[in-house]
Amino acid sequence: MVKRMAPNRKSGPWKAIGLVSAIGFELVSFTLLGFFFGRWINEKTGGSGLWIGLGVLVGLAVGAFGVVVLVRKVLEGSDD
């Protein structure tokens, strides 16, 4: 009798798809939050759009930091 091995749940295409989706979601969500926050501050101060640009840049930076943390956490459990 041939014994089947259980599939390895720690790797494979679904893990890669999940990681790519999480990276995209993280970058987009923080960038949009930065945009809307910058637009809100811009409306309150009557600025020329500088706050929107700063909000987007801060959102991108926070999103990139989140991606680095996420990738480190995923690679920490990897044998590769």
PDB file of N, CA and C in Angstrom:
ATOM      1  N   MET A   1       0.841  -1.172   0.000  1.00  0.00           N
ATOM      2  CA  MET A   1       0.000   0.000   0.000  1.00  0.00           C
ATOM      3  C   MET A   1       0.893   1.245   0.000  1.00  0.00           C
ATOM      4  N   VAL A   2       0.560   2.192  -0.855  1.00  0.00           N
ATOM      5  CA  VAL A   2       1.326   3.427  -0.980  1.00  0.00           C
ATOM      6  C   VAL A   2       0.692   4.476  -0.081  1.00  0.00           C
ATOM      7  N   LYS A   3       1.512   5.036   0.755  1.00  0.00           N
ATOM      8  CA  LYS A   3       1.023   6.070   1.674  1.00  0.00           C
ATOM      9  C   LYS A   3       1.230   7.440   1.030  1.00  0.00           C
ATOM     10  N   ARG A   4       0.168   8.213   0.950  1.00  0.00           N
ATOM     11  CA  ARG A   4       0.269   9.556   0.377  1.00  0.00           C
ATOM     12  C   ARG A   4       0.697  10.542   1.443  1.00  0.00           C
ATOM     13  N   MET A   5       1.540  11.442   1.013  1.00  0.00           N
ATOM     14  CA  MET A   5       1.992  12.479   1.935  1.00  0.00           C
ATOM     15  C   MET A   5       1.019  13.655   1.872  1.00  0.00           C
ATOM     16  N   ALA A   6       0.823  14.290   2.985  1.00  0.00           N
ATOM     17  CA  ALA A   6      -0.050  15.466   3.028  1.00  0.00           C
ATOM     18  C   ALA A   6       0.624  16.609   2.280  1.00  0.00           C
ATOM     19  N   PRO A   7      -0.163  17.405   1.579  1.00  0.00           N
ATOM     20  CA  PRO A   7       0.446  18.537   0.853  1.00  0.00           C
ATOM     21  C   PRO A   7       1.064  19.526   1.826  1.00  0.00           C
ATOM     22  N   ASN A   8       2.153  20.115   1.384  1.00  0.00           N
ATOM     23  CA  ASN A   8       2.851  21.098   2.214  1.00  0.00           C
ATOM     24  C   ASN A   8       2.081  22.410   2.174  1.00  0.00           C
ATOM     25  N   ARG A   9       1.515  22.793   3.271  1.00  0.00           N
ATOM     26  CA  ARG A   9       0.680  24.002   3.334  1.00  0.00           C
ATOM     27  C   ARG A   9       1.520  25.265   3.510  1.00  0.00           C
ATOM     28  N   LYS A  10       2.819  25.116   3.716  1.00  0.00           N
ATOM     29  CA  LYS A  10       3.654  26.291   3.957  1.00  0.00           C
ATOM     30  C   LYS A  10       4.224  26.900   2.690  1.00  0.00           C
ATOM     31  N   SER A  11       4.033  26.247   1.564  1.00  0.00           N
ATOM     32  CA  SER A  11       4.564  26.803   0.327  1.00  0.00           C
ATOM     33  C   SER A  11       3.623  26.467  -0.810  1.00  0.00           C
ATOM     34  N   GLY A  12       3.957  26.952  -1.961  1.00  0.00           N
ATOM     35  CA  GLY A  12       3.147  26.645  -3.123  1.00  0.00           C
ATOM     36  C   GLY A  12       2.584  27.890  -3.758  1.00  0.00           C
ATOM     37  N   PRO A  13       1.787  27.673  -4.795  1.00  0.00           N
ATOM     38  CA  PRO A  13       1.271  28.812  -5.550  1.00  0.00           C
ATOM     39  C   PRO A  13       0.284  29.661  -4.757  1.00  0.00           C
ATOM     40  N   TRP A  14      -0.478  29.056  -3.865  1.00  0.00           N
ATOM     41  CA  TRP A  14      -1.463  29.841  -3.112  1.00  0.00           C
ATOM     42  C   TRP A  14      -0.783  30.791  -2.137  1.00  0.00           C
ATOM     43  N   LYS A  15       0.328  30.365  -1.592  1.00  0.00           N
ATOM     44  CA  LYS A  15       1.077  31.259  -0.704  1.00  0.00           C
ATOM     45  C   LYS A  15       1.633  32.442  -1.494  1.00  0.00           C
ATOM     46  N   ALA A  16       2.131  32.181  -2.676  1.00  0.00           N
ATOM     47  CA  ALA A  16       2.672  33.251  -3.520  1.00  0.00           C
ATOM     48  C   ALA A  16       1.566  34.214  -3.949  1.00  0.00           C
ATOM     49  N   ILE A  17       0.407  33.659  -4.318  1.00  0.00           N
ATOM     50  CA  ILE A  17      -0.716  34.510  -4.717  1.00  0.00           C
ATOM     51  C   ILE A  17      -1.167  35.371  -3.541  1.00  0.00           C
ATOM     52  N   GLY A  18      -1.235  34.768  -2.363  1.00  0.00           N
ATOM     53  CA  GLY A  18      -1.624  35.526  -1.174  1.00  0.00           C
ATOM     54  C   GLY A  18      -0.642  36.627  -0.846  1.00  0.00           C
ATOM     55  N   LEU A  19       0.637  36.349  -0.983  1.00  0.00           N
ATOM     56  CA  LEU A  19       1.657  37.353  -0.687  1.00  0.00           C
ATOM     57  C   LEU A  19       1.588  38.517  -1.668  1.00  0.00           C
ATOM     58  N   VAL A  20       1.454  38.219  -2.952  1.00  0.00           N
ATOM     59  CA  VAL A  20       1.365  39.279  -3.955  1.00  0.00           C
ATOM     60  C   VAL A  20       0.112  40.121  -3.739  1.00  0.00           C
ATOM     61  N   SER A  21      -0.989  39.470  -3.413  1.00  0.00           N
ATOM     62  CA  SER A  21      -2.235  40.203  -3.154  1.00  0.00           C
ATOM     63  C   SER A  21      -2.102  41.089  -1.926  1.00  0.00           C
ATOM     64  N   ALA A  22      -1.490  40.574  -0.878  1.00  0.00           N
ATOM     65  CA  ALA A  22      -1.315  41.359   0.345  1.00  0.00           C
ATOM     66  C   ALA A  22      -0.398  42.556   0.109  1.00  0.00           C
ATOM     67  N   ILE A  23       0.645  42.368  -0.678  1.00  0.00           N
ATOM     68  CA  ILE A  23       1.556  43.476  -0.985  1.00  0.00           C
ATOM     69  C   ILE A  23       0.812  44.566  -1.754  1.00  0.00           C
ATOM     70  N   GLY A  24       0.063  44.171  -2.773  1.00  0.00           N
ATOM     71  CA  GLY A  24      -0.695  45.151  -3.543  1.00  0.00           C
ATOM     72  C   GLY A  24      -1.728  45.876  -2.706  1.00  0.00           C
ATOM     73  N   PHE A  25      -2.462  45.129  -1.888  1.00  0.00           N
ATOM     74  CA  PHE A  25      -3.477  45.738  -1.042  1.00  0.00           C
ATOM     75  C   PHE A  25      -2.852  46.717  -0.055  1.00  0.00           C
ATOM     76  N   GLU A  26      -1.734  46.332   0.528  1.00  0.00           N
ATOM     77  CA  GLU A  26      -1.074  47.190   1.506  1.00  0.00           C
ATOM     78  C   GLU A  26      -0.604  48.503   0.880  1.00  0.00           C
ATOM     79  N   LEU A  27       0.039  48.419  -0.267  1.00  0.00           N
ATOM     80  CA  LEU A  27       0.517  49.634  -0.930  1.00  0.00           C
ATOM     81  C   LEU A  27      -0.635  50.539  -1.354  1.00  0.00           C
ATOM     82  N   VAL A  28      -1.655  49.959  -1.963  1.00  0.00           N
ATOM     83  CA  VAL A  28      -2.785  50.765  -2.444  1.00  0.00           C
ATOM     84  C   VAL A  28      -3.548  51.392  -1.293  1.00  0.00           C
ATOM     85  N   SER A  29      -3.821  50.615  -0.247  1.00  0.00           N
ATOM     86  CA  SER A  29      -4.626  51.145   0.854  1.00  0.00           C
ATOM     87  C   SER A  29      -3.920  52.280   1.584  1.00  0.00           C
ATOM     88  N   PHE A  30      -2.636  52.126   1.876  1.00  0.00           N
ATOM     89  CA  PHE A  30      -1.940  53.198   2.578  1.00  0.00           C
ATOM     90  C   PHE A  30      -1.730  54.429   1.702  1.00  0.00           C
ATOM     91  N   THR A  31      -1.522  54.228   0.417  1.00  0.00           N
ATOM     92  CA  THR A  31      -1.386  55.363  -0.490  1.00  0.00           C
ATOM     93  C   THR A  31      -2.703  56.141  -0.584  1.00  0.00           C
ATOM     94  N   LEU A  32      -3.811  55.423  -0.688  1.00  0.00           N
ATOM     95  CA  LEU A  32      -5.112  56.092  -0.728  1.00  0.00           C
ATOM     96  C   LEU A  32      -5.428  56.801   0.585  1.00  0.00           C
ATOM     97  N   LEU A  33      -5.106  56.161   1.702  1.00  0.00           N
ATOM     98  CA  LEU A  33      -5.311  56.826   2.990  1.00  0.00           C
ATOM     99  C   LEU A  33      -4.494  58.110   3.079  1.00  0.00           C
ATOM    100  N   GLY A  34      -3.247  58.059   2.618  1.00  0.00           N
ATOM    101  CA  GLY A  34      -2.416  59.262   2.603  1.00  0.00           C
ATOM    102  C   GLY A  34      -2.979  60.339   1.702  1.00  0.00           C
ATOM    103  N   PHE A  35      -3.514  59.947   0.546  1.00  0.00           N
ATOM    104  CA  PHE A  35      -4.120  60.907  -0.368  1.00  0.00           C
ATOM    105  C   PHE A  35      -5.327  61.589   0.270  1.00  0.00           C
ATOM    106  N   PHE A  36      -6.234  60.794   0.823  1.00  0.00           N
ATOM    107  CA  PHE A  36      -7.440  61.373   1.406  1.00  0.00           C
ATOM    108  C   PHE A  36      -7.141  62.221   2.640  1.00  0.00           C
ATOM    109  N   PHE A  37      -6.178  61.788   3.440  1.00  0.00           N
ATOM    110  CA  PHE A  37      -5.781  62.585   4.599  1.00  0.00           C
ATOM    111  C   PHE A  37      -5.134  63.891   4.145  1.00  0.00           C
ATOM    112  N   GLY A  38      -4.279  63.826   3.145  1.00  0.00           N
ATOM    113  CA  GLY A  38      -3.649  65.037   2.614  1.00  0.00           C
ATOM    114  C   GLY A  38      -4.659  65.978   1.990  1.00  0.00           C
ATOM    115  N   ARG A  39      -5.651  65.420   1.295  1.00  0.00           N
ATOM    116  CA  ARG A  39      -6.697  66.253   0.706  1.00  0.00           C
ATOM    117  C   ARG A  39      -7.532  66.929   1.792  1.00  0.00           C
ATOM    118  N   TRP A  40      -7.810  66.198   2.869  1.00  0.00           N
ATOM    119  CA  TRP A  40      -8.579  66.761   3.979  1.00  0.00           C
ATOM    120  C   TRP A  40      -7.815  67.924   4.628  1.00  0.00           C
ATOM    121  N   ILE A  41      -6.518  67.721   4.882  1.00  0.00           N
ATOM    122  CA  ILE A  41      -5.702  68.801   5.462  1.00  0.00           C
ATOM    123  C   ILE A  41      -5.615  69.966   4.489  1.00  0.00           C
ATOM    124  N   ASN A  42      -5.503  69.677   3.199  1.00  0.00           N
ATOM    125  CA  ASN A  42      -5.426  70.725   2.189  1.00  0.00           C
ATOM    126  C   ASN A  42      -6.698  71.577   2.172  1.00  0.00           C
ATOM    127  N   GLU A  43      -7.850  70.945   2.322  1.00  0.00           N
ATOM    128  CA  GLU A  43      -9.110  71.695   2.366  1.00  0.00           C
ATOM    129  C   GLU A  43      -9.218  72.542   3.621  1.00  0.00           C
ATOM    130  N   LYS A  44      -8.705  72.038   4.733  1.00  0.00           N
ATOM    131  CA  LYS A  44      -8.777  72.782   5.998  1.00  0.00           C
ATOM    132  C   LYS A  44      -7.831  73.978   6.010  1.00  0.00           C
ATOM    133  N   THR A  45      -6.682  73.830   5.367  1.00  0.00           N
ATOM    134  CA  THR A  45      -5.698  74.914   5.394  1.00  0.00           C
ATOM    135  C   THR A  45      -5.754  75.801   4.154  1.00  0.00           C
ATOM    136  N   GLY A  46      -6.491  75.388   3.145  1.00  0.00           N
ATOM    137  CA  GLY A  46      -6.561  76.172   1.913  1.00  0.00           C
ATOM    138  C   GLY A  46      -5.245  76.194   1.169  1.00  0.00           C
ATOM    139  N   GLY A  47      -4.519  75.088   1.201  1.00  0.00           N
ATOM    140  CA  GLY A  47      -3.208  75.009   0.568  1.00  0.00           C
ATOM    141  C   GLY A  47      -3.293  74.836  -0.939  1.00  0.00           C
ATOM    142  N   SER A  48      -2.142  74.701  -1.533  1.00  0.00           N
ATOM    143  CA  SER A  48      -2.053  74.610  -2.990  1.00  0.00           C
ATOM    144  C   SER A  48      -1.894  73.171  -3.478  1.00  0.00           C
ATOM    145  N   GLY A  49      -2.109  72.204  -2.645  1.00  0.00           N
ATOM    146  CA  GLY A  49      -1.951  70.812  -3.043  1.00  0.00           C
ATOM    147  C   GLY A  49      -0.716  70.161  -2.472  1.00  0.00           C
ATOM    148  N   LEU A  50       0.073  70.917  -1.742  1.00  0.00           N
ATOM    149  CA  LEU A  50       1.284  70.361  -1.147  1.00  0.00           C
ATOM    150  C   LEU A  50       0.954  69.239  -0.165  1.00  0.00           C
ATOM    151  N   TRP A  51      -0.104  69.411   0.594  1.00  0.00           N
ATOM    152  CA  TRP A  51      -0.478  68.398   1.585  1.00  0.00           C
ATOM    153  C   TRP A  51      -0.899  67.089   0.923  1.00  0.00           C
ATOM    154  N   ILE A  52      -1.511  67.192  -0.239  1.00  0.00           N
ATOM    155  CA  ILE A  52      -1.908  65.969  -0.952  1.00  0.00           C
ATOM    156  C   ILE A  52      -0.660  65.185  -1.363  1.00  0.00           C
ATOM    157  N   GLY A  53       0.304  65.874  -1.907  1.00  0.00           N
ATOM    158  CA  GLY A  53       1.555  65.221  -2.291  1.00  0.00           C
ATOM    159  C   GLY A  53       2.280  64.624  -1.104  1.00  0.00           C
ATOM    160  N   LEU A  54       2.343  65.368  -0.009  1.00  0.00           N
ATOM    161  CA  LEU A  54       2.991  64.838   1.193  1.00  0.00           C
ATOM    162  C   LEU A  54       2.232  63.638   1.745  1.00  0.00           C
ATOM    163  N   GLY A  55       0.909  63.701   1.697  1.00  0.00           N
ATOM    164  CA  GLY A  55       0.109  62.576   2.174  1.00  0.00           C
ATOM    165  C   GLY A  55       0.342  61.320   1.359  1.00  0.00           C
ATOM    166  N   VAL A  56       0.423  61.485   0.042  1.00  0.00           N
ATOM    167  CA  VAL A  56       0.684  60.333  -0.823  1.00  0.00           C
ATOM    168  C   VAL A  56       2.075  59.764  -0.547  1.00  0.00           C
ATOM    169  N   LEU A  57       3.062  60.623  -0.398  1.00  0.00           N
ATOM    170  CA  LEU A  57       4.423  60.148  -0.119  1.00  0.00           C
ATOM    171  C   LEU A  57       4.518  59.436   1.225  1.00  0.00           C
ATOM    172  N   VAL A  58       3.859  59.993   2.235  1.00  0.00           N
ATOM    173  CA  VAL A  58       3.862  59.340   3.552  1.00  0.00           C
ATOM    174  C   VAL A  58       3.122  58.006   3.470  1.00  0.00           C
ATOM    175  N   GLY A  59       2.002  57.978   2.741  1.00  0.00           N
ATOM    176  CA  GLY A  59       1.273  56.727   2.559  1.00  0.00           C
ATOM    177  C   GLY A  59       2.101  55.672   1.853  1.00  0.00           C
ATOM    178  N   LEU A  60       2.847  56.072   0.829  1.00  0.00           N
ATOM    179  CA  LEU A  60       3.735  55.130   0.141  1.00  0.00           C
ATOM    180  C   LEU A  60       4.835  54.616   1.067  1.00  0.00           C
ATOM    181  N   ALA A  61       5.398  55.507   1.880  1.00  0.00           N
ATOM    182  CA  ALA A  61       6.458  55.095   2.796  1.00  0.00           C
ATOM    183  C   ALA A  61       5.930  54.113   3.839  1.00  0.00           C
ATOM    184  N   VAL A  62       4.766  54.407   4.393  1.00  0.00           N
ATOM    185  CA  VAL A  62       4.180  53.501   5.387  1.00  0.00           C
ATOM    186  C   VAL A  62       3.827  52.168   4.731  1.00  0.00           C
ATOM    187  N   GLY A  63       3.271  52.208   3.522  1.00  0.00           N
ATOM    188  CA  GLY A  63       2.958  50.981   2.804  1.00  0.00           C
ATOM    189  C   GLY A  63       4.200  50.157   2.493  1.00  0.00           C
ATOM    190  N   ALA A  64       5.273  50.810   2.089  1.00  0.00           N
ATOM    191  CA  ALA A  64       6.522  50.101   1.800  1.00  0.00           C
ATOM    192  C   ALA A  64       7.087  49.463   3.065  1.00  0.00           C
ATOM    193  N   PHE A  65       7.003  50.174   4.179  1.00  0.00           N
ATOM    194  CA  PHE A  65       7.467  49.603   5.448  1.00  0.00           C
ATOM    195  C   PHE A  65       6.629  48.381   5.809  1.00  0.00           C
ATOM    196  N   GLY A  66       5.317  48.479   5.605  1.00  0.00           N
ATOM    197  CA  GLY A  66       4.440  47.340   5.871  1.00  0.00           C
ATOM    198  C   GLY A  66       4.756  46.149   4.988  1.00  0.00           C
ATOM    199  N   VAL A  67       5.106  46.410   3.735  1.00  0.00           N
ATOM    200  CA  VAL A  67       5.470  45.330   2.818  1.00  0.00           C
ATOM    201  C   VAL A  67       6.756  44.656   3.285  1.00  0.00           C
ATOM    202  N   VAL A  68       7.729  45.434   3.710  1.00  0.00           N
ATOM    203  CA  VAL A  68       8.988  44.860   4.201  1.00  0.00           C
ATOM    204  C   VAL A  68       8.724  43.966   5.410  1.00  0.00           C
ATOM    205  N   VAL A  69       7.890  44.439   6.330  1.00  0.00           N
ATOM    206  CA  VAL A  69       7.559  43.641   7.515  1.00  0.00           C
ATOM    207  C   VAL A  69       6.837  42.359   7.108  1.00  0.00           C
ATOM    208  N   LEU A  70       5.906  42.473   6.171  1.00  0.00           N
ATOM    209  CA  LEU A  70       5.153  41.310   5.703  1.00  0.00           C
ATOM    210  C   LEU A  70       6.061  40.286   5.039  1.00  0.00           C
ATOM    211  N   VAL A  71       6.933  40.730   4.164  1.00  0.00           N
ATOM    212  CA  VAL A  71       7.826  39.805   3.456  1.00  0.00           C
ATOM    213  C   VAL A  71       8.792  39.152   4.427  1.00  0.00           C
ATOM    214  N   ARG A  72       9.310  39.901   5.384  1.00  0.00           N
ATOM    215  CA  ARG A  72      10.199  39.299   6.388  1.00  0.00           C
ATOM    216  C   ARG A  72       9.479  38.227   7.187  1.00  0.00           C
ATOM    217  N   LYS A  73       8.238  38.495   7.548  1.00  0.00           N
ATOM    218  CA  LYS A  73       7.467  37.521   8.320  1.00  0.00           C
ATOM    219  C   LYS A  73       7.225  36.259   7.495  1.00  0.00           C
ATOM    220  N   VAL A  74       6.939  36.414   6.211  1.00  0.00           N
ATOM    221  CA  VAL A  74       6.696  35.246   5.354  1.00  0.00           C
ATOM    222  C   VAL A  74       7.985  34.462   5.146  1.00  0.00           C
ATOM    223  N   LEU A  75       9.079  35.155   4.897  1.00  0.00           N
ATOM    224  CA  LEU A  75      10.346  34.472   4.658  1.00  0.00           C
ATOM    225  C   LEU A  75      10.947  33.861   5.916  1.00  0.00           C
ATOM    226  N   GLU A  76      10.530  34.356   7.065  1.00  0.00           N
ATOM    227  CA  GLU A  76      11.029  33.824   8.336  1.00  0.00           C
ATOM    228  C   GLU A  76      10.632  32.357   8.508  1.00  0.00           C
ATOM    229  N   GLY A  77       9.441  32.015   8.073  1.00  0.00           N
ATOM    230  CA  GLY A  77       8.975  30.633   8.194  1.00  0.00           C
ATOM    231  C   GLY A  77       9.357  29.761   7.029  1.00  0.00           C
ATOM    232  N   SER A  78      10.114  30.293   6.082  1.00  0.00           N
ATOM    233  CA  SER A  78      10.488  29.546   4.886  1.00  0.00           C
ATOM    234  C   SER A  78      11.822  28.839   5.091  1.00  0.00           C
ATOM    235  N   ASP A  79      11.962  27.698   4.451  1.00  0.00           N
ATOM    236  CA  ASP A  79      13.232  26.951   4.513  1.00  0.00           C
ATOM    237  C   ASP A  79      14.175  27.368   3.407  1.00  0.00           C
ATOM    238  N   ASP A  80      13.687  28.106   2.433  1.00  0.00           N
ATOM    239  CA  ASP A  80      14.484  28.463   1.247  1.00  0.00           C
ATOM    240  C   ASP A  80      15.541  29.461   1.546  1.00  0.00           C
TER     241      ASP A  80
END
